[in-house]
Amino acid sequence: MVSVTRAAHNIEITAESLQVDLNRLEVQKQALERELAAVVAHLDSVQRALGALKALALDTAGAAAGGSAGATGSTAAGPDRASAPVVPQTDMSSSRSAKVASKTGTQAKTGTQVQRSESRKSAARPNAAAADAERHSTYGRLTEQIVEYFATVGDADVRARDVAAALGRDADSGSINAVRSTLDRLVGASRIRRTGRGLYRAVRS
């Protein structure tokens, strides 16, 4: 009878230990999934920024080539116009010339407007890419700030809200949730450890 009771007790202890390990592994899995999502988002933003910069470089090169060709054509056409004899035009010819000139001017204005619109779009792409890079840079600074904070608190148990308050990031729930997510990611990376529900402590070196 004593042997059966002891065996049941050992099974219960083993089950509790396995449950603790299961909870820890689930937390690590969630942290790794969040870290992978952050890496994928960072990779996507870098690719978009690179694509935008390449497109801007191509647009700039095309505009420079077009300007050089236009200047060369104007220089070459100058002597021909200067050497052409002046022939009196009738009223009908003058009217037709005026219409052609009006159409040409309208087309030139339309082309200029399209070119300006494309230039604005090309300029906006690097701005969006720069915003993405700044957001991910802020995410990295938050991680380092949290690590530095735990280096100063020693063996004390702290909550996510306390960490957010110490870093000046407790103004809204979004900032506090960002701190909490970063804490979970650091737990998964074994840079800090969880000591209880919502409690974190620095890892002793």
N, C-alpha and C. Protein backbone atom coordinates (compact mmCIF):
# COMPACT_ATOMS: atom_id res chain seq x y z
N MET A 1 0.83 -1.21 0.00
CA MET A 1 0.00 0.00 0.00
C MET A 1 0.86 1.26 0.00
N VAL A 2 1.93 1.24 0.81
CA VAL A 2 2.83 2.39 0.86
C VAL A 2 3.52 2.59 -0.48
N SER A 3 3.89 1.49 -1.12
CA SER A 3 4.56 1.56 -2.43
C SER A 3 3.66 2.19 -3.47
N VAL A 4 2.38 1.83 -3.47
CA VAL A 4 1.43 2.41 -4.44
C VAL A 4 1.26 3.91 -4.20
N THR A 5 1.18 4.31 -2.93
CA THR A 5 1.03 5.73 -2.61
C THR A 5 2.25 6.52 -3.05
N ARG A 6 3.42 5.96 -2.83
CA ARG A 6 4.66 6.63 -3.24
C ARG A 6 4.74 6.76 -4.76
N ALA A 7 4.32 5.71 -5.47
CA ALA A 7 4.35 5.76 -6.93
C ALA A 7 3.38 6.83 -7.45
N ALA A 8 2.20 6.90 -6.85
CA ALA A 8 1.23 7.92 -7.26
C ALA A 8 1.78 9.32 -7.00
N HIS A 9 2.48 9.49 -5.86
CA HIS A 9 3.06 10.79 -5.54
C HIS A 9 4.14 11.16 -6.56
N ASN A 10 4.97 10.19 -6.94
CA ASN A 10 6.02 10.45 -7.93
C ASN A 10 5.41 10.83 -9.28
N ILE A 11 4.34 10.14 -9.64
CA ILE A 11 3.67 10.47 -10.91
C ILE A 11 3.13 11.89 -10.87
N GLU A 12 2.56 12.28 -9.75
CA GLU A 12 2.02 13.63 -9.62
C GLU A 12 3.12 14.69 -9.73
N ILE A 13 4.24 14.41 -9.08
CA ILE A 13 5.36 15.36 -9.16
C ILE A 13 5.88 15.47 -10.59
N THR A 14 6.00 14.32 -11.26
CA THR A 14 6.48 14.33 -12.66
C THR A 14 5.52 15.10 -13.55
N ALA A 15 4.21 14.89 -13.34
CA ALA A 15 3.22 15.59 -14.15
C ALA A 15 3.30 17.10 -13.94
N GLU A 16 3.48 17.52 -12.71
CA GLU A 16 3.61 18.95 -12.43
C GLU A 16 4.85 19.53 -13.09
N SER A 17 5.94 18.78 -13.04
CA SER A 17 7.18 19.25 -13.67
C SER A 17 7.00 19.39 -15.17
N LEU A 18 6.34 18.38 -15.78
CA LEU A 18 6.11 18.43 -17.22
C LEU A 18 5.19 19.60 -17.59
N GLN A 19 4.21 19.87 -16.74
CA GLN A 19 3.31 20.99 -17.01
C GLN A 19 4.06 22.32 -16.98
N VAL A 20 4.97 22.45 -16.00
CA VAL A 20 5.79 23.67 -15.93
C VAL A 20 6.64 23.82 -17.19
N ASP A 21 7.26 22.69 -17.62
CA ASP A 21 8.06 22.73 -18.84
C ASP A 21 7.21 23.09 -20.04
N LEU A 22 5.99 22.55 -20.09
CA LEU A 22 5.10 22.84 -21.21
C LEU A 22 4.74 24.33 -21.25
N ASN A 23 4.44 24.91 -20.10
CA ASN A 23 4.12 26.34 -20.05
C ASN A 23 5.31 27.19 -20.50
N ARG A 24 6.50 26.79 -20.03
CA ARG A 24 7.70 27.55 -20.42
C ARG A 24 7.95 27.45 -21.92
N LEU A 25 7.76 26.26 -22.49
CA LEU A 25 7.99 26.08 -23.92
C LEU A 25 6.95 26.85 -24.74
N GLU A 26 5.72 26.93 -24.25
CA GLU A 26 4.70 27.69 -24.96
C GLU A 26 5.04 29.18 -24.97
N VAL A 27 5.55 29.67 -23.85
CA VAL A 27 5.96 31.08 -23.79
C VAL A 27 7.11 31.35 -24.76
N GLN A 28 8.07 30.42 -24.77
CA GLN A 28 9.20 30.59 -25.69
C GLN A 28 8.73 30.53 -27.14
N LYS A 29 7.78 29.65 -27.43
CA LYS A 29 7.25 29.55 -28.79
C LYS A 29 6.59 30.86 -29.21
N GLN A 30 5.78 31.44 -28.33
CA GLN A 30 5.12 32.69 -28.65
C GLN A 30 6.13 33.82 -28.85
N ALA A 31 7.15 33.84 -27.99
CA ALA A 31 8.18 34.87 -28.13
C ALA A 31 8.92 34.73 -29.46
N LEU A 32 9.25 33.49 -29.84
CA LEU A 32 9.96 33.28 -31.10
C LEU A 32 9.08 33.65 -32.29
N GLU A 33 7.78 33.36 -32.20
CA GLU A 33 6.88 33.73 -33.29
C GLU A 33 6.81 35.25 -33.45
N ARG A 34 6.75 35.97 -32.32
CA ARG A 34 6.74 37.43 -32.40
C ARG A 34 8.05 37.96 -32.97
N GLU A 35 9.15 37.37 -32.54
CA GLU A 35 10.45 37.82 -33.05
C GLU A 35 10.57 37.56 -34.55
N LEU A 36 10.07 36.38 -34.99
CA LEU A 36 10.09 36.07 -36.42
C LEU A 36 9.23 37.06 -37.21
N ALA A 37 8.07 37.41 -36.66
CA ALA A 37 7.20 38.38 -37.33
C ALA A 37 7.89 39.73 -37.46
N ALA A 38 8.61 40.14 -36.39
CA ALA A 38 9.33 41.42 -36.44
C ALA A 38 10.43 41.39 -37.49
N VAL A 39 11.14 40.26 -37.58
CA VAL A 39 12.21 40.14 -38.58
C VAL A 39 11.64 40.19 -39.99
N VAL A 40 10.52 39.50 -40.21
CA VAL A 40 9.89 39.49 -41.54
C VAL A 40 9.43 40.90 -41.91
N ALA A 41 8.84 41.61 -40.94
CA ALA A 41 8.39 42.98 -41.22
C ALA A 41 9.57 43.89 -41.54
N HIS A 42 10.67 43.71 -40.79
CA HIS A 42 11.87 44.52 -41.05
C HIS A 42 12.43 44.22 -42.45
N LEU A 43 12.46 42.93 -42.81
CA LEU A 43 12.96 42.55 -44.13
C LEU A 43 12.09 43.15 -45.22
N ASP A 44 10.77 43.14 -45.03
CA ASP A 44 9.87 43.69 -46.04
C ASP A 44 10.08 45.18 -46.20
N SER A 45 10.25 45.90 -45.09
CA SER A 45 10.46 47.35 -45.18
C SER A 45 11.78 47.69 -45.86
N VAL A 46 12.81 46.89 -45.57
CA VAL A 46 14.11 47.13 -46.23
C VAL A 46 14.01 46.89 -47.73
N GLN A 47 13.29 45.83 -48.12
CA GLN A 47 13.12 45.55 -49.54
C GLN A 47 12.35 46.67 -50.24
N ARG A 48 11.30 47.15 -49.58
CA ARG A 48 10.54 48.24 -50.19
C ARG A 48 11.38 49.51 -50.30
N ALA A 49 12.17 49.80 -49.27
CA ALA A 49 13.02 50.99 -49.31
C ALA A 49 14.04 50.88 -50.44
N LEU A 50 14.63 49.69 -50.59
CA LEU A 50 15.60 49.48 -51.66
C LEU A 50 14.95 49.65 -53.02
N GLY A 51 13.75 49.08 -53.19
CA GLY A 51 13.05 49.22 -54.46
C GLY A 51 12.71 50.67 -54.78
N ALA A 52 12.29 51.42 -53.74
CA ALA A 52 11.96 52.83 -53.96
C ALA A 52 13.19 53.63 -54.35
N LEU A 53 14.32 53.35 -53.71
CA LEU A 53 15.56 54.06 -54.04
C LEU A 53 16.02 53.74 -55.47
N LYS A 54 15.86 52.47 -55.87
CA LYS A 54 16.23 52.11 -57.25
C LYS A 54 15.34 52.83 -58.26
N ALA A 55 14.02 52.87 -57.97
CA ALA A 55 13.10 53.55 -58.88
C ALA A 55 13.42 55.04 -58.97
N LEU A 56 13.76 55.65 -57.81
CA LEU A 56 14.12 57.06 -57.81
C LEU A 56 15.38 57.32 -58.61
N ALA A 57 16.36 56.40 -58.49
CA ALA A 57 17.61 56.55 -59.26
C ALA A 57 17.33 56.47 -60.76
N LEU A 58 16.46 55.53 -61.16
CA LEU A 58 16.12 55.40 -62.58
C LEU A 58 15.39 56.64 -63.09
N ASP A 59 14.43 57.18 -62.28
CA ASP A 59 13.70 58.38 -62.69
C ASP A 59 14.65 59.56 -62.85
N THR A 60 15.60 59.69 -61.90
CA THR A 60 16.55 60.81 -61.98
C THR A 60 17.44 60.70 -63.21
N ALA A 61 17.92 59.47 -63.50
CA ALA A 61 18.76 59.27 -64.67
C ALA A 61 18.00 59.55 -65.95
N GLY A 62 16.71 59.10 -66.00
CA GLY A 62 15.90 59.35 -67.20
C GLY A 62 15.64 60.83 -67.41
N ALA A 63 15.36 61.57 -66.32
CA ALA A 63 15.12 63.00 -66.45
C ALA A 63 16.37 63.73 -66.92
N ALA A 64 17.55 63.31 -66.40
CA ALA A 64 18.80 63.95 -66.83
C ALA A 64 19.08 63.68 -68.30
N ALA A 65 18.81 62.43 -68.74
CA ALA A 65 19.04 62.09 -70.15
C ALA A 65 18.10 62.87 -71.05
N GLY A 66 16.82 63.00 -70.62
CA GLY A 66 15.85 63.75 -71.42
C GLY A 66 16.23 65.22 -71.54
N GLY A 67 16.72 65.82 -70.43
CA GLY A 67 17.13 67.21 -70.47
C GLY A 67 18.32 67.44 -71.40
N SER A 68 19.28 66.49 -71.41
CA SER A 68 20.45 66.62 -72.29
C SER A 68 20.03 66.52 -73.75
N ALA A 69 19.12 65.58 -74.06
CA ALA A 69 18.67 65.41 -75.44
C ALA A 69 17.93 66.64 -75.92
N GLY A 70 17.09 67.24 -75.04
CA GLY A 70 16.35 68.43 -75.42
C GLY A 70 17.27 69.60 -75.70
N ALA A 71 18.31 69.76 -74.88
CA ALA A 71 19.26 70.86 -75.07
C ALA A 71 20.03 70.69 -76.38
N THR A 72 20.41 69.44 -76.69
CA THR A 72 21.14 69.18 -77.95
C THR A 72 20.26 69.47 -79.16
N GLY A 73 18.98 69.06 -79.09
CA GLY A 73 18.06 69.30 -80.20
C GLY A 73 17.83 70.78 -80.43
N SER A 74 17.73 71.56 -79.36
CA SER A 74 17.51 73.00 -79.50
C SER A 74 18.72 73.67 -80.13
N THR A 75 19.92 73.23 -79.75
CA THR A 75 21.14 73.82 -80.31
C THR A 75 21.28 73.50 -81.79
N ALA A 76 20.92 72.24 -82.15
CA ALA A 76 21.04 71.86 -83.56
C ALA A 76 20.00 72.55 -84.41
N ALA A 77 18.83 72.83 -83.89
CA ALA A 77 17.76 73.42 -84.69
C ALA A 77 17.95 74.92 -84.87
N GLY A 78 18.77 75.54 -84.03
CA GLY A 78 18.94 76.99 -84.10
C GLY A 78 19.45 77.48 -85.44
N PRO A 79 20.57 76.96 -85.98
CA PRO A 79 21.08 77.45 -87.27
C PRO A 79 20.09 77.23 -88.40
N ASP A 80 19.34 76.13 -88.39
CA ASP A 80 18.39 75.88 -89.47
C ASP A 80 17.31 76.95 -89.49
N ARG A 81 16.82 77.32 -88.32
CA ARG A 81 15.79 78.35 -88.29
C ARG A 81 16.36 79.70 -88.69
N ALA A 82 17.62 79.94 -88.33
CA ALA A 82 18.22 81.23 -88.66
C ALA A 82 18.45 81.36 -90.17
N SER A 83 18.78 80.23 -90.85
CA SER A 83 19.11 80.30 -92.27
C SER A 83 17.90 80.18 -93.17
N ALA A 84 16.72 79.81 -92.62
CA ALA A 84 15.55 79.63 -93.47
C ALA A 84 15.04 80.98 -93.94
N PRO A 85 14.68 81.10 -95.20
CA PRO A 85 14.18 82.37 -95.74
C PRO A 85 12.81 82.70 -95.16
N VAL A 86 12.56 83.99 -95.02
CA VAL A 86 11.28 84.46 -94.50
C VAL A 86 10.30 84.55 -95.64
N VAL A 87 9.21 83.79 -95.53
CA VAL A 87 8.20 83.77 -96.59
C VAL A 87 6.92 84.37 -96.03
N PRO A 88 6.34 85.34 -96.68
CA PRO A 88 5.09 85.93 -96.19
C PRO A 88 4.00 84.87 -96.09
N GLN A 89 3.23 84.90 -95.04
CA GLN A 89 2.17 83.93 -94.80
C GLN A 89 0.82 84.61 -94.99
N THR A 90 -0.11 83.82 -95.48
CA THR A 90 -1.48 84.33 -95.63
C THR A 90 -2.19 84.25 -94.30
N ASP A 91 -3.35 84.85 -94.22
CA ASP A 91 -4.13 84.85 -92.99
C ASP A 91 -4.52 83.44 -92.59
N MET A 92 -4.84 82.58 -93.60
CA MET A 92 -5.24 81.20 -93.30
C MET A 92 -4.08 80.43 -92.71
N SER A 93 -2.87 80.62 -93.28
CA SER A 93 -1.69 79.94 -92.75
C SER A 93 -1.40 80.39 -91.33
N SER A 94 -1.57 81.68 -91.05
CA SER A 94 -1.33 82.20 -89.71
C SER A 94 -2.30 81.58 -88.72
N SER A 95 -3.56 81.43 -89.14
CA SER A 95 -4.57 80.84 -88.26
C SER A 95 -4.22 79.39 -87.95
N ARG A 96 -3.82 78.63 -88.99
CA ARG A 96 -3.44 77.24 -88.77
C ARG A 96 -2.23 77.13 -87.85
N SER A 97 -1.27 78.02 -88.05
CA SER A 97 -0.07 78.00 -87.21
C SER A 97 -0.43 78.29 -85.76
N ALA A 98 -1.36 79.22 -85.55
CA ALA A 98 -1.77 79.55 -84.19
C ALA A 98 -2.43 78.36 -83.52
N LYS A 99 -3.27 77.62 -84.28
CA LYS A 99 -3.93 76.44 -83.72
C LYS A 99 -2.91 75.36 -83.35
N VAL A 100 -1.94 75.13 -84.26
CA VAL A 100 -0.91 74.13 -83.98
C VAL A 100 -0.10 74.52 -82.75
N ALA A 101 0.23 75.80 -82.65
CA ALA A 101 1.01 76.26 -81.50
C ALA A 101 0.22 76.09 -80.20
N SER A 102 -1.10 76.36 -80.28
CA SER A 102 -1.94 76.20 -79.08
C SER A 102 -1.98 74.75 -78.64
N LYS A 103 -2.15 73.80 -79.61
CA LYS A 103 -2.16 72.38 -79.26
C LYS A 103 -0.83 71.94 -78.68
N THR A 104 0.25 72.42 -79.28
CA THR A 104 1.58 72.04 -78.80
C THR A 104 1.81 72.54 -77.38
N GLY A 105 1.36 73.78 -77.11
CA GLY A 105 1.51 74.32 -75.76
C GLY A 105 0.71 73.54 -74.73
N THR A 106 -0.53 73.13 -75.13
CA THR A 106 -1.36 72.34 -74.21
C THR A 106 -0.71 71.00 -73.91
N GLN A 107 -0.18 70.34 -74.97
CA GLN A 107 0.49 69.05 -74.76
C GLN A 107 1.73 69.21 -73.87
N ALA A 108 2.46 70.29 -74.06
CA ALA A 108 3.66 70.51 -73.25
C ALA A 108 3.29 70.71 -71.78
N LYS A 109 2.19 71.47 -71.53
CA LYS A 109 1.75 71.66 -70.15
C LYS A 109 1.33 70.35 -69.51
N THR A 110 0.58 69.53 -70.31
CA THR A 110 0.14 68.23 -69.77
C THR A 110 1.33 67.34 -69.44
N GLY A 111 2.33 67.31 -70.32
CA GLY A 111 3.53 66.51 -70.06
C GLY A 111 4.27 66.97 -68.82
N THR A 112 4.32 68.31 -68.63
CA THR A 112 4.99 68.85 -67.45
C THR A 112 4.25 68.46 -66.17
N GLN A 113 2.91 68.51 -66.22
CA GLN A 113 2.12 68.13 -65.04
C GLN A 113 2.32 66.67 -64.69
N VAL A 114 2.34 65.79 -65.71
CA VAL A 114 2.54 64.36 -65.48
C VAL A 114 3.92 64.12 -64.86
N GLN A 115 4.92 64.82 -65.40
CA GLN A 115 6.28 64.64 -64.88
C GLN A 115 6.37 65.10 -63.43
N ARG A 116 5.70 66.21 -63.09
CA ARG A 116 5.71 66.68 -61.70
C ARG A 116 5.02 65.68 -60.78
N SER A 117 3.89 65.10 -61.26
CA SER A 117 3.18 64.10 -60.44
C SER A 117 4.06 62.89 -60.18
N GLU A 118 4.76 62.40 -61.21
CA GLU A 118 5.65 61.25 -61.04
C GLU A 118 6.79 61.58 -60.08
N SER A 119 7.28 62.83 -60.16
CA SER A 119 8.38 63.22 -59.27
C SER A 119 7.91 63.22 -57.81
N ARG A 120 6.66 63.69 -57.59
CA ARG A 120 6.14 63.68 -56.21
C ARG A 120 6.01 62.26 -55.70
N LYS A 121 5.49 61.33 -56.55
CA LYS A 121 5.34 59.94 -56.13
C LYS A 121 6.69 59.31 -55.81
N SER A 122 7.69 59.60 -56.66
CA SER A 122 9.01 59.03 -56.43
C SER A 122 9.62 59.57 -55.14
N ALA A 123 9.37 60.84 -54.83
CA ALA A 123 9.90 61.42 -53.60
C ALA A 123 9.20 60.86 -52.37
N ALA A 124 7.91 60.46 -52.53
CA ALA A 124 7.17 59.94 -51.38
C ALA A 124 7.62 58.54 -51.00
N ARG A 125 8.12 57.76 -51.98
CA ARG A 125 8.52 56.38 -51.68
C ARG A 125 9.66 56.32 -50.67
N PRO A 126 10.75 57.07 -50.86
CA PRO A 126 11.82 57.02 -49.85
C PRO A 126 11.35 57.50 -48.47
N ASN A 127 10.39 58.47 -48.45
CA ASN A 127 9.89 58.93 -47.16
C ASN A 127 9.19 57.81 -46.41
N ALA A 128 8.37 57.00 -47.12
CA ALA A 128 7.69 55.87 -46.47
C ALA A 128 8.70 54.84 -45.99
N ALA A 129 9.72 54.58 -46.82
CA ALA A 129 10.75 53.62 -46.42
C ALA A 129 11.52 54.12 -45.20
N ALA A 130 11.80 55.42 -45.16
CA ALA A 130 12.50 55.98 -44.01
C ALA A 130 11.66 55.87 -42.74
N ALA A 131 10.33 56.04 -42.88
CA ALA A 131 9.45 55.89 -41.71
C ALA A 131 9.48 54.47 -41.17
N ASP A 132 9.48 53.47 -42.10
CA ASP A 132 9.56 52.07 -41.66
C ASP A 132 10.86 51.80 -40.93
N ALA A 133 11.96 52.31 -41.48
CA ALA A 133 13.26 52.09 -40.85
C ALA A 133 13.31 52.74 -39.47
N GLU A 134 12.70 53.93 -39.34
CA GLU A 134 12.69 54.61 -38.05
C GLU A 134 11.88 53.82 -37.03
N ARG A 135 10.75 53.22 -37.46
CA ARG A 135 9.93 52.45 -36.54
C ARG A 135 10.68 51.24 -36.02
N HIS A 136 11.40 50.53 -36.88
CA HIS A 136 12.16 49.35 -36.44
C HIS A 136 13.37 49.75 -35.59
N SER A 137 13.93 50.93 -35.87
CA SER A 137 15.03 51.40 -35.04
C SER A 137 14.54 51.70 -33.62
N THR A 138 13.32 52.27 -33.51
CA THR A 138 12.73 52.53 -32.20
C THR A 138 12.48 51.24 -31.45
N TYR A 139 12.03 50.21 -32.18
CA TYR A 139 11.79 48.89 -31.56
C TYR A 139 13.10 48.34 -30.97
N GLY A 140 14.21 48.49 -31.69
CA GLY A 140 15.50 48.01 -31.18
C GLY A 140 15.96 48.80 -29.96
N ARG A 141 15.71 50.11 -29.95
CA ARG A 141 16.11 50.92 -28.80
C ARG A 141 15.32 50.53 -27.55
N LEU A 142 14.04 50.20 -27.72
CA LEU A 142 13.23 49.77 -26.58
C LEU A 142 13.82 48.51 -25.95
N THR A 143 14.25 47.56 -26.76
CA THR A 143 14.85 46.34 -26.24
C THR A 143 16.08 46.65 -25.41
N GLU A 144 16.96 47.50 -25.93
CA GLU A 144 18.18 47.82 -25.21
C GLU A 144 17.88 48.60 -23.92
N GLN A 145 16.86 49.48 -23.95
CA GLN A 145 16.50 50.22 -22.75
C GLN A 145 16.01 49.29 -21.64
N ILE A 146 15.22 48.28 -22.04
CA ILE A 146 14.71 47.34 -21.04
C ILE A 146 15.86 46.53 -20.44
N VAL A 147 16.79 46.08 -21.29
CA VAL A 147 17.94 45.32 -20.79
C VAL A 147 18.75 46.16 -19.82
N GLU A 148 18.97 47.43 -20.16
CA GLU A 148 19.73 48.31 -19.27
C GLU A 148 18.97 48.54 -17.96
N TYR A 149 17.65 48.63 -18.02
CA TYR A 149 16.87 48.82 -16.81
C TYR A 149 17.01 47.63 -15.87
N PHE A 150 16.93 46.41 -16.39
CA PHE A 150 17.05 45.22 -15.55
C PHE A 150 18.46 45.09 -14.97
N ALA A 151 19.44 45.67 -15.65
CA ALA A 151 20.80 45.63 -15.11
C ALA A 151 20.93 46.50 -13.86
N THR A 152 19.98 47.44 -13.68
CA THR A 152 20.06 48.34 -12.53
C THR A 152 19.19 47.90 -11.37
N VAL A 153 18.17 47.06 -11.63
CA VAL A 153 17.25 46.69 -10.54
C VAL A 153 17.71 45.47 -9.77
N GLY A 154 18.73 44.77 -10.25
CA GLY A 154 19.25 43.62 -9.52
C GLY A 154 18.31 42.44 -9.51
N ASP A 155 18.05 41.87 -8.31
CA ASP A 155 17.22 40.67 -8.17
C ASP A 155 15.76 41.00 -7.88
N ALA A 156 15.36 42.23 -8.05
CA ALA A 156 13.97 42.61 -7.75
C ALA A 156 13.03 42.11 -8.84
N ASP A 157 11.82 41.72 -8.43
CA ASP A 157 10.77 41.34 -9.38
C ASP A 157 9.99 42.60 -9.76
N VAL A 158 9.82 42.80 -11.05
CA VAL A 158 9.13 44.00 -11.53
C VAL A 158 8.04 43.59 -12.52
N ARG A 159 7.03 44.44 -12.62
CA ARG A 159 5.94 44.21 -13.56
C ARG A 159 6.16 45.03 -14.84
N ALA A 160 5.44 44.64 -15.89
CA ALA A 160 5.58 45.34 -17.16
C ALA A 160 5.21 46.81 -17.02
N ARG A 161 4.18 47.10 -16.24
CA ARG A 161 3.78 48.50 -16.06
C ARG A 161 4.86 49.30 -15.35
N ASP A 162 5.57 48.66 -14.39
CA ASP A 162 6.67 49.35 -13.70
C ASP A 162 7.81 49.66 -14.66
N VAL A 163 8.10 48.69 -15.53
CA VAL A 163 9.16 48.92 -16.53
C VAL A 163 8.77 50.07 -17.46
N ALA A 164 7.50 50.05 -17.92
CA ALA A 164 7.04 51.11 -18.81
C ALA A 164 7.11 52.48 -18.13
N ALA A 165 6.76 52.53 -16.86
CA ALA A 165 6.82 53.81 -16.13
C ALA A 165 8.25 54.29 -15.98
N ALA A 166 9.17 53.36 -15.72
CA ALA A 166 10.58 53.73 -15.55
C ALA A 166 11.17 54.26 -16.85
N LEU A 167 10.67 53.76 -17.98
CA LEU A 167 11.19 54.19 -19.28
C LEU A 167 10.39 55.34 -19.88
N GLY A 168 9.36 55.80 -19.15
CA GLY A 168 8.53 56.89 -19.67
C GLY A 168 7.62 56.46 -20.80
N ARG A 169 7.20 55.20 -20.79
CA ARG A 169 6.35 54.67 -21.86
C ARG A 169 5.01 54.17 -21.32
N ASP A 170 4.51 54.82 -20.28
CA ASP A 170 3.23 54.42 -19.68
C ASP A 170 2.13 55.42 -19.98
N ALA A 171 2.30 56.21 -21.05
CA ALA A 171 1.30 57.23 -21.36
C ALA A 171 0.00 56.62 -21.87
N ASP A 172 0.06 55.49 -22.54
CA ASP A 172 -1.15 54.86 -23.07
C ASP A 172 -0.96 53.35 -23.06
N SER A 173 -2.08 52.64 -23.29
CA SER A 173 -2.04 51.17 -23.25
C SER A 173 -1.20 50.59 -24.38
N GLY A 174 -1.15 51.28 -25.51
CA GLY A 174 -0.35 50.78 -26.62
C GLY A 174 1.13 50.73 -26.28
N SER A 175 1.63 51.76 -25.62
CA SER A 175 3.04 51.78 -25.23
C SER A 175 3.34 50.71 -24.19
N ILE A 176 2.40 50.52 -23.24
CA ILE A 176 2.61 49.50 -22.21
C ILE A 176 2.59 48.10 -22.84
N ASN A 177 1.69 47.88 -23.80
CA ASN A 177 1.65 46.58 -24.47
C ASN A 177 2.93 46.32 -25.27
N ALA A 178 3.49 47.39 -25.84
CA ALA A 178 4.76 47.23 -26.57
C ALA A 178 5.87 46.80 -25.61
N VAL A 179 5.89 47.38 -24.41
CA VAL A 179 6.89 46.98 -23.41
C VAL A 179 6.65 45.54 -22.99
N ARG A 180 5.38 45.16 -22.77
CA ARG A 180 5.07 43.78 -22.34
C ARG A 180 5.50 42.77 -23.42
N SER A 181 5.23 43.08 -24.69
CA SER A 181 5.64 42.17 -25.78
C SER A 181 7.15 42.03 -25.84
N THR A 182 7.86 43.13 -25.65
CA THR A 182 9.32 43.08 -25.67
C THR A 182 9.86 42.26 -24.50
N LEU A 183 9.21 42.36 -23.34
CA LEU A 183 9.61 41.55 -22.18
C LEU A 183 9.44 40.07 -22.48
N ASP A 184 8.32 39.70 -23.09
CA ASP A 184 8.10 38.29 -23.43
C ASP A 184 9.15 37.80 -24.43
N ARG A 185 9.51 38.67 -25.38
CA ARG A 185 10.53 38.28 -26.35
C ARG A 185 11.89 38.08 -25.68
N LEU A 186 12.20 38.92 -24.71
CA LEU A 186 13.47 38.77 -23.99
C LEU A 186 13.46 37.52 -23.11
N VAL A 187 12.28 37.17 -22.57
CA VAL A 187 12.18 35.91 -21.81
C VAL A 187 12.45 34.73 -22.74
N GLY A 188 11.88 34.77 -23.94
CA GLY A 188 12.12 33.70 -24.90
C GLY A 188 13.58 33.60 -25.31
N ALA A 189 14.26 34.76 -25.33
CA ALA A 189 15.68 34.76 -25.69
C ALA A 189 16.58 34.52 -24.48
N SER A 190 15.98 34.26 -23.30
CA SER A 190 16.72 33.98 -22.05
C SER A 190 17.58 35.16 -21.60
N ARG A 191 17.18 36.38 -21.97
CA ARG A 191 17.92 37.55 -21.51
C ARG A 191 17.36 38.06 -20.18
N ILE A 192 16.09 37.77 -19.90
CA ILE A 192 15.51 37.96 -18.59
C ILE A 192 14.66 36.73 -18.30
N ARG A 193 14.10 36.62 -17.08
CA ARG A 193 13.29 35.45 -16.77
C ARG A 193 11.99 35.87 -16.09
N ARG A 194 11.00 35.02 -16.26
CA ARG A 194 9.70 35.26 -15.65
C ARG A 194 9.65 34.53 -14.31
N THR A 195 9.30 35.26 -13.26
CA THR A 195 9.28 34.66 -11.92
C THR A 195 7.87 34.43 -11.41
N GLY A 196 6.88 34.85 -12.12
CA GLY A 196 5.49 34.68 -11.70
C GLY A 196 4.58 35.31 -12.74
N ARG A 197 3.31 35.32 -12.46
CA ARG A 197 2.35 35.90 -13.40
C ARG A 197 2.55 37.41 -13.50
N GLY A 198 3.06 37.85 -14.63
CA GLY A 198 3.30 39.28 -14.85
C GLY A 198 4.53 39.82 -14.17
N LEU A 199 5.39 38.94 -13.62
CA LEU A 199 6.60 39.39 -12.91
C LEU A 199 7.84 38.96 -13.68
N TYR A 200 8.83 39.86 -13.73
CA TYR A 200 10.06 39.60 -14.48
C TYR A 200 11.25 39.94 -13.59
N ARG A 201 12.37 39.25 -13.86
CA ARG A 201 13.58 39.49 -13.09
C ARG A 201 14.78 39.33 -14.02
N ALA A 202 15.85 40.05 -13.70
CA ALA A 202 17.06 39.97 -14.52
C ALA A 202 17.70 38.58 -14.36
N VAL A 203 18.37 38.12 -15.40
CA VAL A 203 19.08 36.85 -15.35
C VAL A 203 20.46 37.08 -14.76
N ARG A 204 20.81 36.29 -13.75
CA ARG A 204 22.14 36.44 -13.14
C ARG A 204 23.20 35.92 -14.08
N SER A 205 24.28 36.69 -14.20
CA SER A 205 25.37 36.26 -15.09
C SER A 205 26.30 35.29 -14.36
